[in-house]
Structures are given as structure tokens and as C-alpha cells.
Amino acid sequence: MFHIYCPYCEELREEEEFHPKGEAHIVRPKDPEACTDEEWGDYLFFRDNPRGIHHELWVHAVGCRKFFNVTRNTVTYEILETYKIGERPTVTAEHLAGGDKQGNVQVASGGQQTVGASGAAVASVKGERA
């Protein structure tokens, strides 16, 4: 079972409390009235489905009910980070291709995975000091 970090509740919660809602960071056309039917259809219905790093919109449906973003590897299902709406991701495909490592994004403990949380958040849940 996954435990996912909610950036608003600032807690690790069970995966059943969350629901994915699609691709994150989709920019609405500035002037929808000037869009052609094809451009508007592309905006409404077509989404990227990359193999590898992908930014997704999720909702904490059973908790705070707020939307937030998740950076996830679609090959391994690993959640690399969670962050609030309006923030920019720190983990990107370009970032990982450069060989940079992201610390404390995945902690395995007791047969369960803690994903998307900082080291301090993980330590606070486990009752430790960071």
C-alpha cells in the first residue's frame, strides 16, 4: 500500500484517499473565442501520455478535498514529489536526464512506501527528528 503526502494536510495518507484527475499544467487558451474548433478540441480532449516522468493533477478526495500536483514516473509508478497548485515541479524529465538526484522523495518502511514527502515530513510521521 502507498502512503501519499498531501502538501495541504502536510500528512502521509493512504492511497485510497486520493484520485488522479489527469495531466497537470494545462494552459487554457487566452482567447477561447478566437480558437478554431480543432484548437479548442485539442485543448479539451487531447493529453500527453508520456513514458517516464509525468506531472498529474490529483485530489485528496477523502481528506482536505483540495487539488494538488504529483510528479510520477509512468514506467515504475513511483511518485517522485507532490506539490501545491501554482507551484512549479522540482523534478522534471530534463532534470533527471542531467543526472541530478532528488533526495528524500521515496522512503520504504515496513513493507509500505512513503512517497512525495520531504525528509522532515517522513520523520515527523515516524516520530523522529529530521
C-alpha atoms as a PDB file:
ATOM      1  CA  MET A   1       0.000   0.000   0.000  1.00  0.00           C
ATOM      2  CA  PHE A   2       1.176   3.509  -0.806  1.00  0.00           C
ATOM      3  CA  HIS A   3       1.165   6.393   1.585  1.00  0.00           C
ATOM      4  CA  ILE A   4       0.972   9.657  -0.348  1.00  0.00           C
ATOM      5  CA  TYR A   5       1.998  13.014   1.097  1.00  0.00           C
ATOM      6  CA  CYS A   6      -0.714  15.687   0.838  1.00  0.00           C
ATOM      7  CA  PRO A   7       1.005  19.094   0.585  1.00  0.00           C
ATOM      8  CA  TYR A   8      -2.043  20.841   2.111  1.00  0.00           C
ATOM      9  CA  CYS A   9      -2.726  18.493   5.048  1.00  0.00           C
ATOM     10  CA  GLU A  10       1.042  18.024   5.441  1.00  0.00           C
ATOM     11  CA  GLU A  11       0.422  14.372   6.248  1.00  0.00           C
ATOM     12  CA  LEU A  12       1.076  10.989   4.734  1.00  0.00           C
ATOM     13  CA  ARG A  13      -2.248   9.336   3.932  1.00  0.00           C
ATOM     14  CA  GLU A  14      -3.325   6.041   2.367  1.00  0.00           C
ATOM     15  CA  GLU A  15      -3.607   5.946  -1.398  1.00  0.00           C
ATOM     16  CA  GLU A  16      -7.337   5.149  -1.283  1.00  0.00           C
ATOM     17  CA  GLU A  17      -7.977   8.743  -0.158  1.00  0.00           C
ATOM     18  CA  PHE A  18      -6.653  10.172  -3.445  1.00  0.00           C
ATOM     19  CA  HIS A  19      -7.859  10.191  -7.049  1.00  0.00           C
ATOM     20  CA  PRO A  20      -5.898  11.143 -10.191  1.00  0.00           C
ATOM     21  CA  LYS A  21      -7.626  13.753 -12.353  1.00  0.00           C
ATOM     22  CA  GLY A  22      -5.397  13.960 -15.422  1.00  0.00           C
ATOM     23  CA  GLU A  23      -2.489  15.948 -16.767  1.00  0.00           C
ATOM     24  CA  ALA A  24      -1.247  18.950 -14.774  1.00  0.00           C
ATOM     25  CA  HIS A  25      -0.170  22.390 -16.021  1.00  0.00           C
ATOM     26  CA  ILE A  26      -2.559  22.582 -18.982  1.00  0.00           C
ATOM     27  CA  VAL A  27      -2.694  26.184 -20.174  1.00  0.00           C
ATOM     28  CA  ARG A  28      -6.133  27.483 -21.155  1.00  0.00           C
ATOM     29  CA  PRO A  29      -6.182  29.434 -24.437  1.00  0.00           C
ATOM     30  CA  LYS A  30      -6.070  33.191 -23.769  1.00  0.00           C
ATOM     31  CA  ASP A  31      -8.921  33.889 -26.181  1.00  0.00           C
ATOM     32  CA  PRO A  32     -11.165  30.809 -26.492  1.00  0.00           C
ATOM     33  CA  GLU A  33     -13.497  32.668 -28.858  1.00  0.00           C
ATOM     34  CA  ALA A  34     -10.650  33.063 -31.367  1.00  0.00           C
ATOM     35  CA  CYS A  35      -9.752  29.344 -31.326  1.00  0.00           C
ATOM     36  CA  THR A  36     -10.679  27.133 -34.214  1.00  0.00           C
ATOM     37  CA  ASP A  37     -12.793  24.078 -33.460  1.00  0.00           C
ATOM     38  CA  GLU A  38      -9.689  21.931 -33.896  1.00  0.00           C
ATOM     39  CA  GLU A  39      -7.627  24.026 -31.427  1.00  0.00           C
ATOM     40  CA  TRP A  40     -10.447  24.040 -28.880  1.00  0.00           C
ATOM     41  CA  GLY A  41     -10.936  20.280 -29.275  1.00  0.00           C
ATOM     42  CA  ASP A  42      -7.205  19.715 -28.763  1.00  0.00           C
ATOM     43  CA  TYR A  43      -7.329  21.782 -25.550  1.00  0.00           C
ATOM     44  CA  LEU A  44     -10.384  19.963 -24.187  1.00  0.00           C
ATOM     45  CA  PHE A  45      -9.718  16.360 -25.143  1.00  0.00           C
ATOM     46  CA  PHE A  46      -6.099  15.597 -26.044  1.00  0.00           C
ATOM     47  CA  ARG A  47      -3.493  14.967 -23.352  1.00  0.00           C
ATOM     48  CA  ASP A  48       0.098  13.800 -23.285  1.00  0.00           C
ATOM     49  CA  ASN A  49       0.696  10.220 -22.207  1.00  0.00           C
ATOM     50  CA  PRO A  50       4.478  10.059 -21.910  1.00  0.00           C
ATOM     51  CA  ARG A  51       6.568   7.099 -20.927  1.00  0.00           C
ATOM     52  CA  GLY A  52       8.572   8.279 -17.924  1.00  0.00           C
ATOM     53  CA  ILE A  53       8.241  11.482 -15.899  1.00  0.00           C
ATOM     54  CA  HIS A  54       4.730  12.949 -15.973  1.00  0.00           C
ATOM     55  CA  HIS A  55       3.019  15.730 -13.986  1.00  0.00           C
ATOM     56  CA  GLU A  56      -0.530  14.902 -12.919  1.00  0.00           C
ATOM     57  CA  LEU A  57      -3.393  16.618 -11.141  1.00  0.00           C
ATOM     58  CA  TRP A  58      -4.726  14.710  -8.111  1.00  0.00           C
ATOM     59  CA  VAL A  59      -7.387  15.390  -5.472  1.00  0.00           C
ATOM     60  CA  HIS A  60      -7.368  14.405  -1.802  1.00  0.00           C
ATOM     61  CA  ALA A  61     -10.987  13.258  -2.045  1.00  0.00           C
ATOM     62  CA  VAL A  62     -11.420  11.821   1.474  1.00  0.00           C
ATOM     63  CA  GLY A  63      -9.246  14.387   3.274  1.00  0.00           C
ATOM     64  CA  CYS A  64      -8.989  18.124   2.648  1.00  0.00           C
ATOM     65  CA  ARG A  65     -10.627  17.780  -0.815  1.00  0.00           C
ATOM     66  CA  LYS A  66      -8.006  20.046  -2.365  1.00  0.00           C
ATOM     67  CA  PHE A  67      -6.323  19.525  -5.708  1.00  0.00           C
ATOM     68  CA  PHE A  68      -2.541  19.244  -5.922  1.00  0.00           C
ATOM     69  CA  ASN A  69       0.078  18.087  -8.403  1.00  0.00           C
ATOM     70  CA  VAL A  70       2.088  14.870  -8.457  1.00  0.00           C
ATOM     71  CA  THR A  71       5.255  14.118 -10.407  1.00  0.00           C
ATOM     72  CA  ARG A  72       5.128  10.430 -11.254  1.00  0.00           C
ATOM     73  CA  ASN A  73       7.190   8.003 -13.298  1.00  0.00           C
ATOM     74  CA  THR A  74       4.661   6.240 -15.540  1.00  0.00           C
ATOM     75  CA  VAL A  75       7.024   3.301 -16.118  1.00  0.00           C
ATOM     76  CA  THR A  76       7.650   2.403 -12.462  1.00  0.00           C
ATOM     77  CA  TYR A  77       4.557   4.067 -10.894  1.00  0.00           C
ATOM     78  CA  GLU A  78       6.939   5.791  -8.473  1.00  0.00           C
ATOM     79  CA  ILE A  79       5.678   9.129  -7.159  1.00  0.00           C
ATOM     80  CA  LEU A  80       8.670  11.466  -7.093  1.00  0.00           C
ATOM     81  CA  GLU A  81       7.078  14.526  -5.477  1.00  0.00           C
ATOM     82  CA  THR A  82       3.831  16.227  -4.568  1.00  0.00           C
ATOM     83  CA  TYR A  83       3.359  19.990  -4.662  1.00  0.00           C
ATOM     84  CA  LYS A  84       0.603  22.578  -4.348  1.00  0.00           C
ATOM     85  CA  ILE A  85      -1.346  24.102  -7.212  1.00  0.00           C
ATOM     86  CA  GLY A  86       0.507  27.156  -8.510  1.00  0.00           C
ATOM     87  CA  GLU A  87       3.945  25.790  -7.613  1.00  0.00           C
ATOM     88  CA  ARG A  88       6.398  24.517 -10.210  1.00  0.00           C
ATOM     89  CA  PRO A  89       7.759  20.959 -10.080  1.00  0.00           C
ATOM     90  CA  THR A  90      11.329  20.444  -8.910  1.00  0.00           C
ATOM     91  CA  VAL A  91      11.614  17.073 -10.658  1.00  0.00           C
ATOM     92  CA  THR A  92      11.331  17.104 -14.457  1.00  0.00           C
ATOM     93  CA  ALA A  93      12.421  14.746 -17.207  1.00  0.00           C
ATOM     94  CA  GLU A  94      15.159  17.225 -18.162  1.00  0.00           C
ATOM     95  CA  HIS A  95      16.276  17.456 -14.520  1.00  0.00           C
ATOM     96  CA  LEU A  96      16.663  13.677 -14.195  1.00  0.00           C
ATOM     97  CA  ALA A  97      18.312  13.349 -17.604  1.00  0.00           C
ATOM     98  CA  GLY A  98      21.046  15.677 -16.318  1.00  0.00           C
ATOM     99  CA  GLY A  99      21.961  13.137 -13.648  1.00  0.00           C
ATOM    100  CA  ASP A 100      20.655  15.213 -10.721  1.00  0.00           C
ATOM    101  CA  LYS A 101      19.304  13.180  -7.829  1.00  0.00           C
ATOM    102  CA  GLN A 102      16.321  14.194  -5.743  1.00  0.00           C
ATOM    103  CA  GLY A 103      16.808  13.399  -2.050  1.00  0.00           C
ATOM    104  CA  ASN A 104      14.113  12.042   0.250  1.00  0.00           C
ATOM    105  CA  VAL A 105      11.436  11.560  -2.362  1.00  0.00           C
ATOM    106  CA  GLN A 106      10.913   7.858  -1.741  1.00  0.00           C
ATOM    107  CA  VAL A 107      11.252   6.083   1.577  1.00  0.00           C
ATOM    108  CA  ALA A 108      10.474   2.390   2.006  1.00  0.00           C
ATOM    109  CA  SER A 109       9.497   1.320   5.503  1.00  0.00           C
ATOM    110  CA  GLY A 110       7.824  -1.756   6.946  1.00  0.00           C
ATOM    111  CA  GLY A 111       6.665  -3.063   3.574  1.00  0.00           C
ATOM    112  CA  GLN A 112       4.922   0.242   2.831  1.00  0.00           C
ATOM    113  CA  GLN A 113       6.029   3.087   0.632  1.00  0.00           C
ATOM    114  CA  THR A 114       6.059   6.713   1.674  1.00  0.00           C
ATOM    115  CA  VAL A 115       6.005   8.847  -1.429  1.00  0.00           C
ATOM    116  CA  GLY A 116       6.263  12.526  -2.230  1.00  0.00           C
ATOM    117  CA  ALA A 117       7.265  13.627   1.267  1.00  0.00           C
ATOM    118  CA  SER A 118      10.305  15.540   2.392  1.00  0.00           C
ATOM    119  CA  GLY A 119      12.693  14.037   4.928  1.00  0.00           C
ATOM    120  CA  ALA A 120      11.227  16.268   7.651  1.00  0.00           C
ATOM    121  CA  ALA A 121       7.672  15.159   6.862  1.00  0.00           C
ATOM    122  CA  VAL A 122       8.639  11.490   6.947  1.00  0.00           C
ATOM    123  CA  ALA A 123      10.492  11.961  10.245  1.00  0.00           C
ATOM    124  CA  SER A 124       7.517  13.762  11.826  1.00  0.00           C
ATOM    125  CA  VAL A 125       5.164  10.941  10.867  1.00  0.00           C
ATOM    126  CA  LYS A 126       7.572   8.368  12.271  1.00  0.00           C
ATOM    127  CA  GLY A 127       8.019  10.435  15.450  1.00  0.00           C
ATOM    128  CA  GLU A 128      11.662  11.210  14.748  1.00  0.00           C
ATOM    129  CA  ARG A 129      13.594  14.444  14.349  1.00  0.00           C
ATOM    130  CA  ALA A 130      14.786  15.409  10.872  1.00  0.00           C
END
